[in-house]
Amino acid sequence: MANVTLALDDALLQKARVKAVHEHTSVNAVIREFLAGWTRDEDDLAAVVERVRAALDASTYRSGGVSWTRDELHER
C-alpha cells in the first residue's frame, strides 16, 4: 500500500480527527473510502443500478391499482 502526503489546514485536520474518533474510524480510513468511491468505475455503478432495478422488478408488492389525488393525500 502506498503512502500519500497531504497538506491540510491544522484546524481542518483537528476537526477531522475529532469527527473520526466519534465515528470510530480514522482520517486515513475516511480518505481511503472517499477515494475508492470517487474513482469507482461507472460500470460498477451501472451494475448496482441494474441490481436495484432487478430487485424492484422481482418485488411482489403491488398497489392494487389504487390511486389517490394530491388533495386526497393531503386531506386532514
PDB file of N, CA and C in Angstrom:
ATOM      1  N   MET A   1       0.850  -1.170   0.000  1.00  0.00           N
ATOM      2  CA  MET A   1       0.000   0.000   0.000  1.00  0.00           C
ATOM      3  C   MET A   1       0.897   1.235   0.000  1.00  0.00           C
ATOM      4  N   ALA A   2       0.575   2.191  -0.828  1.00  0.00           N
ATOM      5  CA  ALA A   2       1.377   3.403  -0.944  1.00  0.00           C
ATOM      6  C   ALA A   2       0.970   4.430   0.108  1.00  0.00           C
ATOM      7  N   ASN A   3       1.899   5.299   0.446  1.00  0.00           N
ATOM      8  CA  ASN A   3       1.629   6.409   1.348  1.00  0.00           C
ATOM      9  C   ASN A   3       1.523   7.693   0.545  1.00  0.00           C
ATOM     10  N   VAL A   4       0.640   8.595   0.977  1.00  0.00           N
ATOM     11  CA  VAL A   4       0.450   9.882   0.328  1.00  0.00           C
ATOM     12  C   VAL A   4       0.574  10.961   1.392  1.00  0.00           C
ATOM     13  N   THR A   5       1.239  12.040   1.055  1.00  0.00           N
ATOM     14  CA  THR A   5       1.351  13.167   1.971  1.00  0.00           C
ATOM     15  C   THR A   5       0.399  14.258   1.517  1.00  0.00           C
ATOM     16  N   LEU A   6      -0.413  14.758   2.445  1.00  0.00           N
ATOM     17  CA  LEU A   6      -1.367  15.823   2.154  1.00  0.00           C
ATOM     18  C   LEU A   6      -1.015  17.051   2.977  1.00  0.00           C
ATOM     19  N   ALA A   7      -1.247  18.211   2.404  1.00  0.00           N
ATOM     20  CA  ALA A   7      -1.089  19.463   3.147  1.00  0.00           C
ATOM     21  C   ALA A   7      -2.490  19.933   3.523  1.00  0.00           C
ATOM     22  N   LEU A   8      -2.786  19.941   4.824  1.00  0.00           N
ATOM     23  CA  LEU A   8      -4.096  20.333   5.316  1.00  0.00           C
ATOM     24  C   LEU A   8      -3.952  21.436   6.352  1.00  0.00           C
ATOM     25  N   ASP A   9      -4.954  22.276   6.421  1.00  0.00           N
ATOM     26  CA  ASP A   9      -5.010  23.290   7.455  1.00  0.00           C
ATOM     27  C   ASP A   9      -5.069  22.577   8.806  1.00  0.00           C
ATOM     28  N   ASP A  10      -4.328  23.071   9.788  1.00  0.00           N
ATOM     29  CA  ASP A  10      -4.283  22.418  11.101  1.00  0.00           C
ATOM     30  C   ASP A  10      -5.671  22.289  11.734  1.00  0.00           C
ATOM     31  N   ALA A  11      -6.472  23.339  11.620  1.00  0.00           N
ATOM     32  CA  ALA A  11      -7.812  23.313  12.219  1.00  0.00           C
ATOM     33  C   ALA A  11      -8.699  22.275  11.531  1.00  0.00           C
ATOM     34  N   LEU A  12      -8.583  22.185  10.217  1.00  0.00           N
ATOM     35  CA  LEU A  12      -9.370  21.193   9.469  1.00  0.00           C
ATOM     36  C   LEU A  12      -8.979  19.784   9.892  1.00  0.00           C
ATOM     37  N   LEU A  13      -7.702  19.525   9.989  1.00  0.00           N
ATOM     38  CA  LEU A  13      -7.239  18.196  10.385  1.00  0.00           C
ATOM     39  C   LEU A  13      -7.710  17.860  11.793  1.00  0.00           C
ATOM     40  N   GLN A  14      -7.663  18.820  12.698  1.00  0.00           N
ATOM     41  CA  GLN A  14      -8.108  18.575  14.072  1.00  0.00           C
ATOM     42  C   GLN A  14      -9.602  18.235  14.106  1.00  0.00           C
ATOM     43  N   LYS A  15     -10.403  18.991  13.348  1.00  0.00           N
ATOM     44  CA  LYS A  15     -11.837  18.701  13.281  1.00  0.00           C
ATOM     45  C   LYS A  15     -12.081  17.310  12.700  1.00  0.00           C
ATOM     46  N   ALA A  16     -11.329  16.962  11.658  1.00  0.00           N
ATOM     47  CA  ALA A  16     -11.474  15.649  11.021  1.00  0.00           C
ATOM     48  C   ALA A  16     -11.110  14.536  12.002  1.00  0.00           C
ATOM     49  N   ARG A  17     -10.053  14.739  12.788  1.00  0.00           N
ATOM     50  CA  ARG A  17      -9.643  13.719  13.765  1.00  0.00           C
ATOM     51  C   ARG A  17     -10.719  13.521  14.835  1.00  0.00           C
ATOM     52  N   VAL A  18     -11.282  14.624  15.313  1.00  0.00           N
ATOM     53  CA  VAL A  18     -12.327  14.530  16.339  1.00  0.00           C
ATOM     54  C   VAL A  18     -13.548  13.806  15.786  1.00  0.00           C
ATOM     55  N   LYS A  19     -13.956  14.183  14.571  1.00  0.00           N
ATOM     56  CA  LYS A  19     -15.121  13.538  13.954  1.00  0.00           C
ATOM     57  C   LYS A  19     -14.853  12.051  13.721  1.00  0.00           C
ATOM     58  N   ALA A  20     -13.646  11.718  13.284  1.00  0.00           N
ATOM     59  CA  ALA A  20     -13.297  10.315  13.038  1.00  0.00           C
ATOM     60  C   ALA A  20     -13.369   9.509  14.335  1.00  0.00           C
ATOM     61  N   VAL A  21     -12.909  10.080  15.427  1.00  0.00           N
ATOM     62  CA  VAL A  21     -12.973   9.375  16.713  1.00  0.00           C
ATOM     63  C   VAL A  21     -14.427   9.112  17.087  1.00  0.00           C
ATOM     64  N   HIS A  22     -15.283  10.119  16.905  1.00  0.00           N
ATOM     65  CA  HIS A  22     -16.704   9.960  17.223  1.00  0.00           C
ATOM     66  C   HIS A  22     -17.369   8.902  16.347  1.00  0.00           C
ATOM     67  N   GLU A  23     -16.857   8.709  15.142  1.00  0.00           N
ATOM     68  CA  GLU A  23     -17.420   7.727  14.217  1.00  0.00           C
ATOM     69  C   GLU A  23     -16.651   6.400  14.243  1.00  0.00           C
ATOM     70  N   HIS A  24     -15.767   6.253  15.224  1.00  0.00           N
ATOM     71  CA  HIS A  24     -14.991   5.019  15.412  1.00  0.00           C
ATOM     72  C   HIS A  24     -14.220   4.632  14.153  1.00  0.00           C
ATOM     73  N   THR A  25     -13.559   5.605  13.566  1.00  0.00           N
ATOM     74  CA  THR A  25     -12.758   5.359  12.364  1.00  0.00           C
ATOM     75  C   THR A  25     -11.515   6.238  12.446  1.00  0.00           C
ATOM     76  N   SER A  26     -10.834   6.398  11.343  1.00  0.00           N
ATOM     77  CA  SER A  26      -9.659   7.268  11.291  1.00  0.00           C
ATOM     78  C   SER A  26      -9.767   8.178  10.079  1.00  0.00           C
ATOM     79  N   VAL A  27      -9.017   9.264  10.118  1.00  0.00           N
ATOM     80  CA  VAL A  27      -8.993  10.170   8.974  1.00  0.00           C
ATOM     81  C   VAL A  27      -8.472   9.416   7.754  1.00  0.00           C
ATOM     82  N   ASN A  28      -7.485   8.581   7.951  1.00  0.00           N
ATOM     83  CA  ASN A  28      -6.931   7.790   6.864  1.00  0.00           C
ATOM     84  C   ASN A  28      -8.010   6.914   6.219  1.00  0.00           C
ATOM     85  N   ALA A  29      -8.821   6.250   7.041  1.00  0.00           N
ATOM     86  CA  ALA A  29      -9.880   5.383   6.512  1.00  0.00           C
ATOM     87  C   ALA A  29     -10.935   6.195   5.766  1.00  0.00           C
ATOM     88  N   VAL A  30     -11.272   7.371   6.282  1.00  0.00           N
ATOM     89  CA  VAL A  30     -12.262   8.226   5.620  1.00  0.00           C
ATOM     90  C   VAL A  30     -11.754   8.648   4.243  1.00  0.00           C
ATOM     91  N   ILE A  31     -10.499   9.059   4.169  1.00  0.00           N
ATOM     92  CA  ILE A  31      -9.923   9.479   2.890  1.00  0.00           C
ATOM     93  C   ILE A  31      -9.856   8.293   1.925  1.00  0.00           C
ATOM     94  N   ARG A  32      -9.471   7.127   2.426  1.00  0.00           N
ATOM     95  CA  ARG A  32      -9.391   5.932   1.584  1.00  0.00           C
ATOM     96  C   ARG A  32     -10.761   5.578   1.009  1.00  0.00           C
ATOM     97  N   GLU A  33     -11.809   5.621   1.862  1.00  0.00           N
ATOM     98  CA  GLU A  33     -13.160   5.316   1.403  1.00  0.00           C
ATOM     99  C   GLU A  33     -13.651   6.354   0.391  1.00  0.00           C
ATOM    100  N   PHE A  34     -13.336   7.630   0.646  1.00  0.00           N
ATOM    101  CA  PHE A  34     -13.736   8.673  -0.297  1.00  0.00           C
ATOM    102  C   PHE A  34     -13.103   8.440  -1.660  1.00  0.00           C
ATOM    103  N   LEU A  35     -11.805   8.173  -1.678  1.00  0.00           N
ATOM    104  CA  LEU A  35     -11.114   7.962  -2.953  1.00  0.00           C
ATOM    105  C   LEU A  35     -11.627   6.715  -3.668  1.00  0.00           C
ATOM    106  N   ALA A  36     -11.953   5.675  -2.924  1.00  0.00           N
ATOM    107  CA  ALA A  36     -12.497   4.464  -3.549  1.00  0.00           C
ATOM    108  C   ALA A  36     -13.835   4.775  -4.220  1.00  0.00           C
ATOM    109  N   GLY A  37     -14.684   5.527  -3.548  1.00  0.00           N
ATOM    110  CA  GLY A  37     -15.966   5.894  -4.137  1.00  0.00           C
ATOM    111  C   GLY A  37     -15.817   6.852  -5.291  1.00  0.00           C
ATOM    112  N   TRP A  38     -14.919   7.798  -5.155  1.00  0.00           N
ATOM    113  CA  TRP A  38     -14.691   8.821  -6.173  1.00  0.00           C
ATOM    114  C   TRP A  38     -14.163   8.225  -7.469  1.00  0.00           C
ATOM    115  N   THR A  39     -13.383   7.185  -7.359  1.00  0.00           N
ATOM    116  CA  THR A  39     -12.770   6.578  -8.545  1.00  0.00           C
ATOM    117  C   THR A  39     -13.503   5.333  -9.027  1.00  0.00           C
ATOM    118  N   ARG A  40     -14.621   5.010  -8.377  1.00  0.00           N
ATOM    119  CA  ARG A  40     -15.380   3.812  -8.758  1.00  0.00           C
ATOM    120  C   ARG A  40     -15.732   3.880 -10.237  1.00  0.00           C
ATOM    121  N   ASP A  41     -15.521   2.803 -10.895  1.00  0.00           N
ATOM    122  CA  ASP A  41     -15.780   2.703 -12.322  1.00  0.00           C
ATOM    123  C   ASP A  41     -17.274   2.830 -12.589  1.00  0.00           C
ATOM    124  N   GLU A  42     -17.643   3.520 -13.640  1.00  0.00           N
ATOM    125  CA  GLU A  42     -19.057   3.685 -13.983  1.00  0.00           C
ATOM    126  C   GLU A  42     -19.735   2.351 -14.246  1.00  0.00           C
ATOM    127  N   ASP A  43     -18.980   1.353 -14.693  1.00  0.00           N
ATOM    128  CA  ASP A  43     -19.556   0.024 -14.889  1.00  0.00           C
ATOM    129  C   ASP A  43     -20.025  -0.563 -13.559  1.00  0.00           C
ATOM    130  N   ASP A  44     -19.262  -0.283 -12.478  1.00  0.00           N
ATOM    131  CA  ASP A  44     -19.670  -0.745 -11.153  1.00  0.00           C
ATOM    132  C   ASP A  44     -20.997  -0.105 -10.761  1.00  0.00           C
ATOM    133  N   LEU A  45     -21.123   1.187 -11.016  1.00  0.00           N
ATOM    134  CA  LEU A  45     -22.359   1.885 -10.687  1.00  0.00           C
ATOM    135  C   LEU A  45     -23.520   1.365 -11.520  1.00  0.00           C
ATOM    136  N   ALA A  46     -23.266   1.087 -12.787  1.00  0.00           N
ATOM    137  CA  ALA A  46     -24.308   0.544 -13.654  1.00  0.00           C
ATOM    138  C   ALA A  46     -24.760  -0.820 -13.140  1.00  0.00           C
ATOM    139  N   ALA A  47     -23.834  -1.617 -12.633  1.00  0.00           N
ATOM    140  CA  ALA A  47     -24.178  -2.930 -12.089  1.00  0.00           C
ATOM    141  C   ALA A  47     -25.060  -2.773 -10.852  1.00  0.00           C
ATOM    142  N   VAL A  48     -24.762  -1.791 -10.020  1.00  0.00           N
ATOM    143  CA  VAL A  48     -25.579  -1.541  -8.827  1.00  0.00           C
ATOM    144  C   VAL A  48     -26.982  -1.128  -9.239  1.00  0.00           C
ATOM    145  N   VAL A  49     -27.078  -0.217 -10.194  1.00  0.00           N
ATOM    146  CA  VAL A  49     -28.391   0.227 -10.674  1.00  0.00           C
ATOM    147  C   VAL A  49     -29.173  -0.956 -11.232  1.00  0.00           C
ATOM    148  N   GLU A  50     -28.511  -1.807 -11.969  1.00  0.00           N
ATOM    149  CA  GLU A  50     -29.178  -2.974 -12.544  1.00  0.00           C
ATOM    150  C   GLU A  50     -29.680  -3.917 -11.451  1.00  0.00           C
ATOM    151  N   ARG A  51     -28.884  -4.125 -10.392  1.00  0.00           N
ATOM    152  CA  ARG A  51     -29.324  -4.980  -9.287  1.00  0.00           C
ATOM    153  C   ARG A  51     -30.541  -4.388  -8.584  1.00  0.00           C
ATOM    154  N   VAL A  52     -30.553  -3.066  -8.408  1.00  0.00           N
ATOM    155  CA  VAL A  52     -31.700  -2.416  -7.771  1.00  0.00           C
ATOM    156  C   VAL A  52     -32.937  -2.568  -8.648  1.00  0.00           C
ATOM    157  N   ARG A  53     -32.789  -2.341  -9.940  1.00  0.00           N
ATOM    158  CA  ARG A  53     -33.926  -2.493 -10.853  1.00  0.00           C
ATOM    159  C   ARG A  53     -34.448  -3.929 -10.853  1.00  0.00           C
ATOM    160  N   ALA A  54     -33.547  -4.888 -10.841  1.00  0.00           N
ATOM    161  CA  ALA A  54     -33.961  -6.294 -10.817  1.00  0.00           C
ATOM    162  C   ALA A  54     -34.716  -6.599  -9.522  1.00  0.00           C
ATOM    163  N   ALA A  55     -34.246  -6.047  -8.416  1.00  0.00           N
ATOM    164  CA  ALA A  55     -34.932  -6.262  -7.139  1.00  0.00           C
ATOM    165  C   ALA A  55     -36.321  -5.640  -7.168  1.00  0.00           C
ATOM    166  N   LEU A  56     -36.435  -4.458  -7.749  1.00  0.00           N
ATOM    167  CA  LEU A  56     -37.743  -3.817  -7.856  1.00  0.00           C
ATOM    168  C   LEU A  56     -38.681  -4.634  -8.751  1.00  0.00           C
ATOM    169  N   ASP A  57     -38.155  -5.140  -9.859  1.00  0.00           N
ATOM    170  CA  ASP A  57     -38.968  -5.956 -10.768  1.00  0.00           C
ATOM    171  C   ASP A  57     -39.422  -7.252 -10.098  1.00  0.00           C
ATOM    172  N   ALA A  58     -38.570  -7.796  -9.234  1.00  0.00           N
ATOM    173  CA  ALA A  58     -38.890  -9.059  -8.565  1.00  0.00           C
ATOM    174  C   ALA A  58     -39.809  -8.860  -7.363  1.00  0.00           C
ATOM    175  N   SER A  59     -39.988  -7.636  -6.953  1.00  0.00           N
ATOM    176  CA  SER A  59     -40.825  -7.346  -5.786  1.00  0.00           C
ATOM    177  C   SER A  59     -42.258  -7.793  -6.030  1.00  0.00           C
ATOM    178  N   THR A  60     -42.861  -8.312  -4.982  1.00  0.00           N
ATOM    179  CA  THR A  60     -44.246  -8.766  -5.089  1.00  0.00           C
ATOM    180  C   THR A  60     -45.224  -7.699  -4.638  1.00  0.00           C
ATOM    181  N   TYR A  61     -44.734  -6.559  -4.173  1.00  0.00           N
ATOM    182  CA  TYR A  61     -45.633  -5.502  -3.719  1.00  0.00           C
ATOM    183  C   TYR A  61     -46.361  -4.892  -4.914  1.00  0.00           C
ATOM    184  N   ARG A  62     -47.642  -4.762  -4.773  1.00  0.00           N
ATOM    185  CA  ARG A  62     -48.453  -4.101  -5.797  1.00  0.00           C
ATOM    186  C   ARG A  62     -49.446  -3.197  -5.092  1.00  0.00           C
ATOM    187  N   SER A  63     -49.717  -2.071  -5.656  1.00  0.00           N
ATOM    188  CA  SER A  63     -50.647  -1.123  -5.031  1.00  0.00           C
ATOM    189  C   SER A  63     -52.093  -1.513  -5.270  1.00  0.00           C
ATOM    190  N   GLY A  64     -52.337  -2.481  -6.120  1.00  0.00           N
ATOM    191  CA  GLY A  64     -53.700  -2.896  -6.423  1.00  0.00           C
ATOM    192  C   GLY A  64     -54.408  -1.908  -7.315  1.00  0.00           C
ATOM    193  N   GLY A  65     -53.634  -1.062  -7.961  1.00  0.00           N
ATOM    194  CA  GLY A  65     -54.215  -0.097  -8.877  1.00  0.00           C
ATOM    195  C   GLY A  65     -54.886   1.072  -8.193  1.00  0.00           C
ATOM    196  N   VAL A  66     -54.754   1.148  -6.863  1.00  0.00           N
ATOM    197  CA  VAL A  66     -55.358   2.257  -6.133  1.00  0.00           C
ATOM    198  C   VAL A  66     -54.542   3.510  -6.393  1.00  0.00           C
ATOM    199  N   SER A  67     -55.237   4.590  -6.700  1.00  0.00           N
ATOM    200  CA  SER A  67     -54.534   5.858  -6.878  1.00  0.00           C
ATOM    201  C   SER A  67     -55.303   6.945  -6.143  1.00  0.00           C
ATOM    202  N   TRP A  68     -54.572   7.899  -5.681  1.00  0.00           N
ATOM    203  CA  TRP A  68     -55.167   8.995  -4.946  1.00  0.00           C
ATOM    204  C   TRP A  68     -54.792  10.298  -5.623  1.00  0.00           C
ATOM    205  N   THR A  69     -55.623  11.293  -5.410  1.00  0.00           N
ATOM    206  CA  THR A  69     -55.282  12.623  -5.900  1.00  0.00           C
ATOM    207  C   THR A  69     -54.427  13.301  -4.830  1.00  0.00           C
ATOM    208  N   ARG A  70     -53.748  14.341  -5.234  1.00  0.00           N
ATOM    209  CA  ARG A  70     -52.935  15.105  -4.281  1.00  0.00           C
ATOM    210  C   ARG A  70     -53.806  15.623  -3.148  1.00  0.00           C
ATOM    211  N   ASP A  71     -55.000  16.123  -3.471  1.00  0.00           N
ATOM    212  CA  ASP A  71     -55.906  16.654  -2.461  1.00  0.00           C
ATOM    213  C   ASP A  71     -56.325  15.577  -1.459  1.00  0.00           C
ATOM    214  N   GLU A  72     -56.573  14.366  -1.944  1.00  0.00           N
ATOM    215  CA  GLU A  72     -56.961  13.288  -1.045  1.00  0.00           C
ATOM    216  C   GLU A  72     -55.833  12.921  -0.089  1.00  0.00           C
ATOM    217  N   LEU A  73     -54.608  12.937  -0.585  1.00  0.00           N
ATOM    218  CA  LEU A  73     -53.460  12.596   0.255  1.00  0.00           C
ATOM    219  C   LEU A  73     -53.224  13.642   1.335  1.00  0.00           C
ATOM    220  N   HIS A  74     -53.547  14.890   1.043  1.00  0.00           N
ATOM    221  CA  HIS A  74     -53.295  15.985   1.983  1.00  0.00           C
ATOM    222  C   HIS A  74     -54.539  16.385   2.758  1.00  0.00           C
ATOM    223  N   GLU A  75     -55.608  15.634   2.616  1.00  0.00           N
ATOM    224  CA  GLU A  75     -56.848  15.919   3.327  1.00  0.00           C
ATOM    225  C   GLU A  75     -56.658  15.673   4.816  1.00  0.00           C
ATOM    226  N   ARG A  76     -57.173  16.576   5.625  1.00  0.00           N
ATOM    227  CA  ARG A  76     -56.988  16.426   7.084  1.00  0.00           C
ATOM    228  C   ARG A  76     -58.277  16.202   7.776  1.00  0.00           C
TER     229      ARG A  76
END
